[in-house]
Amino acid sequence: MPEENTIPDTLAVPSKTAKFGIGTMGMFLVFSAVVQYNDPDPYAWMAIYLAAAGVSFAALWFPVSWKIPVVVAVGAFVWAATLVPGVMQTSFPALFQSWEMMSREMEEGREFLGLLSVASWTTYLAHLGRKAQQ
């Protein structure tokens, strides 16, 4: 029987600030999907960003859900791994030298960073869900 004076696990009971952060990140990911309209292959990018947004919003209502964020994270990590050869041909500062895409390597480098962001965020959500389940 749990004691009455125990402090709840902060991961299992997200604070209002944590919920605000998760919701904000979800909105940022929706925005990321919207700005893909001018990309040469917009639908693949919209799908990954909207999947990450979906698991973000789901984490607000179903905090013990962790399997779907893992699927999104694995998909983003695998996709990012396919871009590594092109990414290795450019430097990190070169990715941000101009607004326009100056080369295929620059485009792949930016895509790689986007995928790592999605993978990292959804891995974090999976961690929160797994922790809440315990």
N, C-alpha and C. Protein backbone atom coordinates (compact mmCIF):
# COMPACT_ATOMS: atom_id res chain seq x y z
N MET A 1 0.85 -1.18 0.00
CA MET A 1 0.00 0.00 0.00
C MET A 1 0.89 1.23 0.00
N PRO A 2 0.72 2.15 -0.96
CA PRO A 2 1.58 3.33 -1.02
C PRO A 2 1.29 4.29 0.13
N GLU A 3 2.35 4.93 0.55
CA GLU A 3 2.20 5.91 1.62
C GLU A 3 1.49 7.15 1.09
N GLU A 4 0.77 7.84 1.97
CA GLU A 4 0.03 9.01 1.55
C GLU A 4 0.94 10.19 1.22
N ASN A 5 2.11 10.25 1.82
CA ASN A 5 2.99 11.40 1.66
C ASN A 5 4.07 11.20 0.61
N THR A 6 3.93 10.21 -0.24
CA THR A 6 4.95 10.00 -1.26
C THR A 6 4.81 11.05 -2.37
N ILE A 7 5.94 11.41 -2.93
CA ILE A 7 5.95 12.38 -4.03
C ILE A 7 5.78 11.60 -5.32
N PRO A 8 4.81 11.99 -6.16
CA PRO A 8 4.62 11.25 -7.40
C PRO A 8 5.81 11.44 -8.33
N ASP A 9 6.05 10.44 -9.15
CA ASP A 9 7.12 10.50 -10.14
C ASP A 9 6.78 11.60 -11.15
N THR A 10 7.70 12.53 -11.35
CA THR A 10 7.42 13.66 -12.24
C THR A 10 7.24 13.22 -13.68
N LEU A 11 7.84 12.09 -14.09
CA LEU A 11 7.65 11.62 -15.45
C LEU A 11 6.29 10.96 -15.62
N ALA A 12 5.80 10.31 -14.58
CA ALA A 12 4.51 9.64 -14.66
C ALA A 12 3.36 10.64 -14.57
N VAL A 13 3.57 11.76 -13.90
CA VAL A 13 2.55 12.79 -13.76
C VAL A 13 3.14 14.08 -14.31
N PRO A 14 3.05 14.29 -15.64
CA PRO A 14 3.68 15.47 -16.23
C PRO A 14 3.10 16.76 -15.67
N SER A 15 3.97 17.71 -15.44
CA SER A 15 3.53 19.01 -14.96
C SER A 15 2.86 19.78 -16.10
N LYS A 16 2.24 20.89 -15.74
CA LYS A 16 1.63 21.73 -16.78
C LYS A 16 2.70 22.27 -17.72
N THR A 17 3.87 22.55 -17.17
CA THR A 17 4.97 23.03 -18.01
C THR A 17 5.40 21.96 -19.00
N ALA A 18 5.49 20.70 -18.54
CA ALA A 18 5.87 19.61 -19.44
C ALA A 18 4.81 19.41 -20.52
N LYS A 19 3.55 19.48 -20.14
CA LYS A 19 2.48 19.34 -21.12
C LYS A 19 2.53 20.48 -22.13
N PHE A 20 2.81 21.69 -21.66
CA PHE A 20 2.94 22.83 -22.56
C PHE A 20 4.09 22.60 -23.54
N GLY A 21 5.22 22.09 -23.03
CA GLY A 21 6.38 21.81 -23.88
C GLY A 21 6.08 20.76 -24.93
N ILE A 22 5.40 19.70 -24.53
CA ILE A 22 5.05 18.63 -25.47
C ILE A 22 4.08 19.16 -26.53
N GLY A 23 3.09 19.94 -26.09
CA GLY A 23 2.15 20.53 -27.04
C GLY A 23 2.82 21.51 -28.00
N THR A 24 3.75 22.31 -27.47
CA THR A 24 4.48 23.26 -28.30
C THR A 24 5.32 22.53 -29.34
N MET A 25 5.98 21.46 -28.93
CA MET A 25 6.78 20.69 -29.87
C MET A 25 5.88 20.05 -30.93
N GLY A 26 4.71 19.59 -30.52
CA GLY A 26 3.75 19.05 -31.48
C GLY A 26 3.35 20.09 -32.52
N MET A 27 3.11 21.32 -32.08
CA MET A 27 2.76 22.40 -33.02
C MET A 27 3.94 22.74 -33.92
N PHE A 28 5.14 22.73 -33.38
CA PHE A 28 6.34 22.98 -34.18
C PHE A 28 6.47 21.92 -35.28
N LEU A 29 6.18 20.69 -34.94
CA LEU A 29 6.27 19.60 -35.92
C LEU A 29 5.19 19.73 -37.00
N VAL A 30 4.00 20.18 -36.62
CA VAL A 30 2.96 20.45 -37.62
C VAL A 30 3.43 21.55 -38.56
N PHE A 31 4.01 22.61 -38.01
CA PHE A 31 4.55 23.69 -38.83
C PHE A 31 5.63 23.16 -39.77
N SER A 32 6.48 22.28 -39.26
CA SER A 32 7.53 21.68 -40.09
C SER A 32 6.94 20.91 -41.26
N ALA A 33 5.81 20.26 -41.03
CA ALA A 33 5.15 19.54 -42.12
C ALA A 33 4.56 20.51 -43.14
N VAL A 34 3.98 21.60 -42.66
CA VAL A 34 3.34 22.57 -43.55
C VAL A 34 4.35 23.21 -44.50
N VAL A 35 5.55 23.52 -44.01
CA VAL A 35 6.53 24.21 -44.86
C VAL A 35 7.22 23.28 -45.86
N GLN A 36 6.83 22.03 -45.90
CA GLN A 36 7.42 21.09 -46.86
C GLN A 36 6.79 21.19 -48.24
N TYR A 37 5.80 22.07 -48.42
CA TYR A 37 5.09 22.15 -49.69
C TYR A 37 6.01 22.42 -50.88
N ASN A 38 7.15 23.09 -50.66
CA ASN A 38 8.04 23.40 -51.78
C ASN A 38 9.21 22.43 -51.90
N ASP A 39 9.18 21.37 -51.14
CA ASP A 39 10.24 20.37 -51.19
C ASP A 39 10.03 19.47 -52.42
N PRO A 40 11.11 18.97 -53.02
CA PRO A 40 10.94 18.06 -54.17
C PRO A 40 10.16 16.79 -53.83
N ASP A 41 10.25 16.33 -52.59
CA ASP A 41 9.52 15.14 -52.16
C ASP A 41 8.76 15.46 -50.87
N PRO A 42 7.70 16.29 -50.95
CA PRO A 42 7.05 16.79 -49.74
C PRO A 42 6.29 15.73 -48.95
N TYR A 43 5.72 14.74 -49.60
CA TYR A 43 4.84 13.81 -48.90
C TYR A 43 5.57 12.93 -47.89
N ALA A 44 6.76 12.52 -48.21
CA ALA A 44 7.54 11.71 -47.27
C ALA A 44 7.88 12.54 -46.03
N TRP A 45 8.25 13.80 -46.25
CA TRP A 45 8.61 14.66 -45.12
C TRP A 45 7.40 15.04 -44.30
N MET A 46 6.30 15.32 -44.97
CA MET A 46 5.07 15.62 -44.24
C MET A 46 4.67 14.43 -43.37
N ALA A 47 4.81 13.23 -43.91
CA ALA A 47 4.44 12.03 -43.17
C ALA A 47 5.27 11.88 -41.90
N ILE A 48 6.58 12.05 -41.99
CA ILE A 48 7.42 11.85 -40.80
C ILE A 48 7.17 12.94 -39.76
N TYR A 49 7.02 14.20 -40.22
CA TYR A 49 6.77 15.29 -39.28
C TYR A 49 5.38 15.17 -38.64
N LEU A 50 4.38 14.79 -39.43
CA LEU A 50 3.04 14.63 -38.86
C LEU A 50 2.95 13.41 -37.95
N ALA A 51 3.70 12.36 -38.25
CA ALA A 51 3.75 11.21 -37.34
C ALA A 51 4.33 11.63 -35.99
N ALA A 52 5.41 12.41 -36.02
CA ALA A 52 6.02 12.88 -34.78
C ALA A 52 5.08 13.83 -34.04
N ALA A 53 4.36 14.68 -34.79
CA ALA A 53 3.39 15.57 -34.16
C ALA A 53 2.26 14.75 -33.53
N GLY A 54 1.81 13.73 -34.24
CA GLY A 54 0.74 12.89 -33.72
C GLY A 54 1.10 12.20 -32.42
N VAL A 55 2.31 11.66 -32.34
CA VAL A 55 2.70 11.00 -31.09
C VAL A 55 2.93 12.03 -29.99
N SER A 56 3.27 13.26 -30.35
CA SER A 56 3.41 14.32 -29.35
C SER A 56 2.05 14.62 -28.73
N PHE A 57 1.05 14.84 -29.59
CA PHE A 57 -0.29 15.13 -29.08
C PHE A 57 -0.87 13.93 -28.34
N ALA A 58 -0.59 12.73 -28.83
CA ALA A 58 -1.07 11.53 -28.14
C ALA A 58 -0.47 11.42 -26.75
N ALA A 59 0.78 11.87 -26.59
CA ALA A 59 1.44 11.80 -25.28
C ALA A 59 0.73 12.68 -24.25
N LEU A 60 0.00 13.69 -24.71
CA LEU A 60 -0.74 14.54 -23.78
C LEU A 60 -1.94 13.82 -23.18
N TRP A 61 -2.58 12.95 -23.98
CA TRP A 61 -3.78 12.26 -23.52
C TRP A 61 -3.53 10.82 -23.10
N PHE A 62 -2.49 10.22 -23.63
CA PHE A 62 -2.16 8.83 -23.31
C PHE A 62 -0.70 8.74 -22.87
N PRO A 63 -0.39 9.20 -21.66
CA PRO A 63 1.02 9.28 -21.25
C PRO A 63 1.73 7.94 -21.14
N VAL A 64 1.01 6.82 -21.10
CA VAL A 64 1.68 5.53 -21.00
C VAL A 64 1.96 4.91 -22.37
N SER A 65 1.57 5.59 -23.42
CA SER A 65 1.82 5.09 -24.77
C SER A 65 3.30 5.27 -25.11
N TRP A 66 3.97 4.19 -25.47
CA TRP A 66 5.39 4.30 -25.81
C TRP A 66 5.77 3.53 -27.07
N LYS A 67 4.93 2.60 -27.49
CA LYS A 67 5.30 1.76 -28.64
C LYS A 67 5.26 2.53 -29.96
N ILE A 68 4.27 3.37 -30.16
CA ILE A 68 4.19 4.12 -31.42
C ILE A 68 5.32 5.13 -31.53
N PRO A 69 5.67 5.87 -30.46
CA PRO A 69 6.85 6.74 -30.57
C PRO A 69 8.13 5.98 -30.92
N VAL A 70 8.25 4.75 -30.45
CA VAL A 70 9.42 3.94 -30.80
C VAL A 70 9.43 3.64 -32.29
N VAL A 71 8.28 3.32 -32.86
CA VAL A 71 8.20 3.04 -34.30
C VAL A 71 8.62 4.27 -35.11
N VAL A 72 8.13 5.45 -34.71
CA VAL A 72 8.49 6.68 -35.42
C VAL A 72 9.98 6.95 -35.26
N ALA A 73 10.51 6.77 -34.05
CA ALA A 73 11.94 7.01 -33.81
C ALA A 73 12.81 6.07 -34.64
N VAL A 74 12.46 4.80 -34.67
CA VAL A 74 13.25 3.84 -35.45
C VAL A 74 13.19 4.20 -36.93
N GLY A 75 12.01 4.54 -37.42
CA GLY A 75 11.88 4.95 -38.82
C GLY A 75 12.74 6.15 -39.15
N ALA A 76 12.74 7.15 -38.26
CA ALA A 76 13.55 8.35 -38.50
C ALA A 76 15.04 8.03 -38.42
N PHE A 77 15.45 7.20 -37.46
CA PHE A 77 16.87 6.82 -37.36
C PHE A 77 17.33 6.05 -38.60
N VAL A 78 16.51 5.12 -39.08
CA VAL A 78 16.87 4.34 -40.26
C VAL A 78 16.96 5.25 -41.48
N TRP A 79 16.00 6.13 -41.64
CA TRP A 79 16.01 7.06 -42.77
C TRP A 79 17.24 7.97 -42.69
N ALA A 80 17.56 8.46 -41.48
CA ALA A 80 18.75 9.30 -41.30
C ALA A 80 20.02 8.52 -41.67
N ALA A 81 20.06 7.25 -41.33
CA ALA A 81 21.24 6.43 -41.64
C ALA A 81 21.47 6.33 -43.14
N THR A 82 20.40 6.35 -43.92
CA THR A 82 20.56 6.28 -45.37
C THR A 82 21.17 7.56 -45.95
N LEU A 83 21.11 8.64 -45.19
CA LEU A 83 21.65 9.93 -45.66
C LEU A 83 23.09 10.17 -45.24
N VAL A 84 23.63 9.31 -44.38
CA VAL A 84 24.98 9.52 -43.84
C VAL A 84 26.04 9.69 -44.93
N PRO A 85 26.07 8.89 -46.00
CA PRO A 85 27.12 9.09 -47.01
C PRO A 85 27.16 10.51 -47.58
N GLY A 86 26.01 11.08 -47.87
CA GLY A 86 25.97 12.45 -48.38
C GLY A 86 26.32 13.48 -47.33
N VAL A 87 25.91 13.22 -46.10
CA VAL A 87 26.17 14.14 -45.00
C VAL A 87 27.67 14.24 -44.72
N MET A 88 28.36 13.14 -44.88
CA MET A 88 29.80 13.12 -44.59
C MET A 88 30.61 13.94 -45.60
N GLN A 89 29.99 14.36 -46.69
CA GLN A 89 30.70 15.12 -47.72
C GLN A 89 30.60 16.63 -47.52
N THR A 90 29.96 17.08 -46.46
CA THR A 90 29.84 18.52 -46.19
C THR A 90 30.11 18.79 -44.72
N SER A 91 30.48 20.02 -44.42
CA SER A 91 30.76 20.38 -43.02
C SER A 91 29.49 20.94 -42.38
N PHE A 92 29.44 20.89 -41.07
CA PHE A 92 28.28 21.39 -40.34
C PHE A 92 28.04 22.88 -40.61
N PRO A 93 29.06 23.75 -40.55
CA PRO A 93 28.82 25.17 -40.84
C PRO A 93 28.32 25.41 -42.27
N ALA A 94 28.71 24.58 -43.21
CA ALA A 94 28.28 24.74 -44.60
C ALA A 94 26.77 24.55 -44.75
N LEU A 95 26.15 23.83 -43.83
CA LEU A 95 24.72 23.60 -43.91
C LEU A 95 23.92 24.88 -43.76
N PHE A 96 24.51 25.89 -43.12
CA PHE A 96 23.79 27.11 -42.80
C PHE A 96 24.40 28.35 -43.43
N GLN A 97 25.21 28.18 -44.46
CA GLN A 97 25.85 29.32 -45.11
C GLN A 97 24.85 30.19 -45.87
N SER A 98 23.81 29.61 -46.41
CA SER A 98 22.83 30.39 -47.15
C SER A 98 21.45 29.78 -46.97
N TRP A 99 20.46 30.55 -47.31
CA TRP A 99 19.08 30.10 -47.19
C TRP A 99 18.77 29.06 -48.26
N GLU A 100 19.32 29.27 -49.46
CA GLU A 100 19.07 28.36 -50.57
C GLU A 100 19.90 27.09 -50.42
N MET A 101 19.43 26.05 -51.09
CA MET A 101 20.19 24.81 -51.14
C MET A 101 21.25 24.96 -52.23
N MET A 102 22.51 24.92 -51.84
CA MET A 102 23.59 25.12 -52.79
C MET A 102 24.08 23.80 -53.40
N SER A 103 23.77 22.69 -52.74
CA SER A 103 24.23 21.40 -53.25
C SER A 103 23.34 20.29 -52.70
N ARG A 104 23.44 19.14 -53.31
CA ARG A 104 22.70 17.96 -52.84
C ARG A 104 23.16 17.57 -51.43
N GLU A 105 24.46 17.70 -51.17
CA GLU A 105 25.01 17.36 -49.86
C GLU A 105 24.44 18.28 -48.77
N MET A 106 24.27 19.57 -49.10
CA MET A 106 23.69 20.51 -48.15
C MET A 106 22.24 20.13 -47.84
N GLU A 107 21.50 19.78 -48.86
CA GLU A 107 20.11 19.37 -48.66
C GLU A 107 20.04 18.11 -47.79
N GLU A 108 20.88 17.14 -48.09
CA GLU A 108 20.88 15.91 -47.30
C GLU A 108 21.32 16.16 -45.86
N GLY A 109 22.26 17.07 -45.67
CA GLY A 109 22.69 17.42 -44.32
C GLY A 109 21.57 18.02 -43.50
N ARG A 110 20.81 18.91 -44.12
CA ARG A 110 19.67 19.52 -43.42
C ARG A 110 18.57 18.50 -43.16
N GLU A 111 18.33 17.64 -44.13
CA GLU A 111 17.35 16.57 -43.93
C GLU A 111 17.78 15.64 -42.80
N PHE A 112 19.06 15.34 -42.75
CA PHE A 112 19.62 14.49 -41.70
C PHE A 112 19.36 15.10 -40.33
N LEU A 113 19.59 16.41 -40.19
CA LEU A 113 19.34 17.08 -38.91
C LEU A 113 17.86 17.05 -38.54
N GLY A 114 16.99 17.21 -39.53
CA GLY A 114 15.56 17.12 -39.26
C GLY A 114 15.16 15.74 -38.78
N LEU A 115 15.71 14.72 -39.42
CA LEU A 115 15.40 13.35 -39.01
C LEU A 115 15.96 13.03 -37.63
N LEU A 116 17.15 13.53 -37.34
CA LEU A 116 17.70 13.31 -35.99
C LEU A 116 16.87 14.02 -34.94
N SER A 117 16.34 15.18 -35.27
CA SER A 117 15.47 15.90 -34.34
C SER A 117 14.20 15.09 -34.07
N VAL A 118 13.59 14.58 -35.12
CA VAL A 118 12.38 13.77 -34.97
C VAL A 118 12.70 12.51 -34.17
N ALA A 119 13.79 11.84 -34.50
CA ALA A 119 14.15 10.60 -33.81
C ALA A 119 14.45 10.86 -32.34
N SER A 120 15.15 11.92 -32.04
CA SER A 120 15.48 12.25 -30.65
C SER A 120 14.22 12.58 -29.86
N TRP A 121 13.35 13.39 -30.44
CA TRP A 121 12.13 13.79 -29.75
C TRP A 121 11.22 12.59 -29.50
N THR A 122 11.02 11.76 -30.49
CA THR A 122 10.13 10.62 -30.30
C THR A 122 10.75 9.56 -29.38
N THR A 123 12.07 9.47 -29.36
CA THR A 123 12.73 8.60 -28.38
C THR A 123 12.46 9.10 -26.97
N TYR A 124 12.52 10.41 -26.79
CA TYR A 124 12.22 11.02 -25.49
C TYR A 124 10.77 10.73 -25.09
N LEU A 125 9.83 10.87 -26.03
CA LEU A 125 8.43 10.58 -25.72
C LEU A 125 8.24 9.11 -25.37
N ALA A 126 8.95 8.22 -26.05
CA ALA A 126 8.88 6.80 -25.73
C ALA A 126 9.40 6.55 -24.32
N HIS A 127 10.48 7.24 -23.96
CA HIS A 127 11.04 7.12 -22.62
C HIS A 127 10.02 7.58 -21.58
N LEU A 128 9.37 8.72 -21.83
CA LEU A 128 8.35 9.21 -20.90
C LEU A 128 7.21 8.21 -20.75
N GLY A 129 6.75 7.67 -21.87
CA GLY A 129 5.65 6.71 -21.83
C GLY A 129 6.03 5.43 -21.11
N ARG A 130 7.21 4.96 -21.35
CA ARG A 130 7.69 3.73 -20.68
C ARG A 130 7.83 3.96 -19.18
N LYS A 131 8.36 5.13 -18.83
CA LYS A 131 8.54 5.47 -17.41
C LYS A 131 7.18 5.60 -16.72
N ALA A 132 6.21 6.19 -17.40
CA ALA A 132 4.87 6.36 -16.83
C ALA A 132 4.18 5.01 -16.63
N GLN A 133 4.51 4.05 -17.47
CA GLN A 133 3.89 2.73 -17.39
C GLN A 133 4.38 1.94 -16.19
N GLN A 134 5.58 2.22 -15.74
CA GLN A 134 6.17 1.44 -14.64
C GLN A 134 5.59 1.80 -13.30
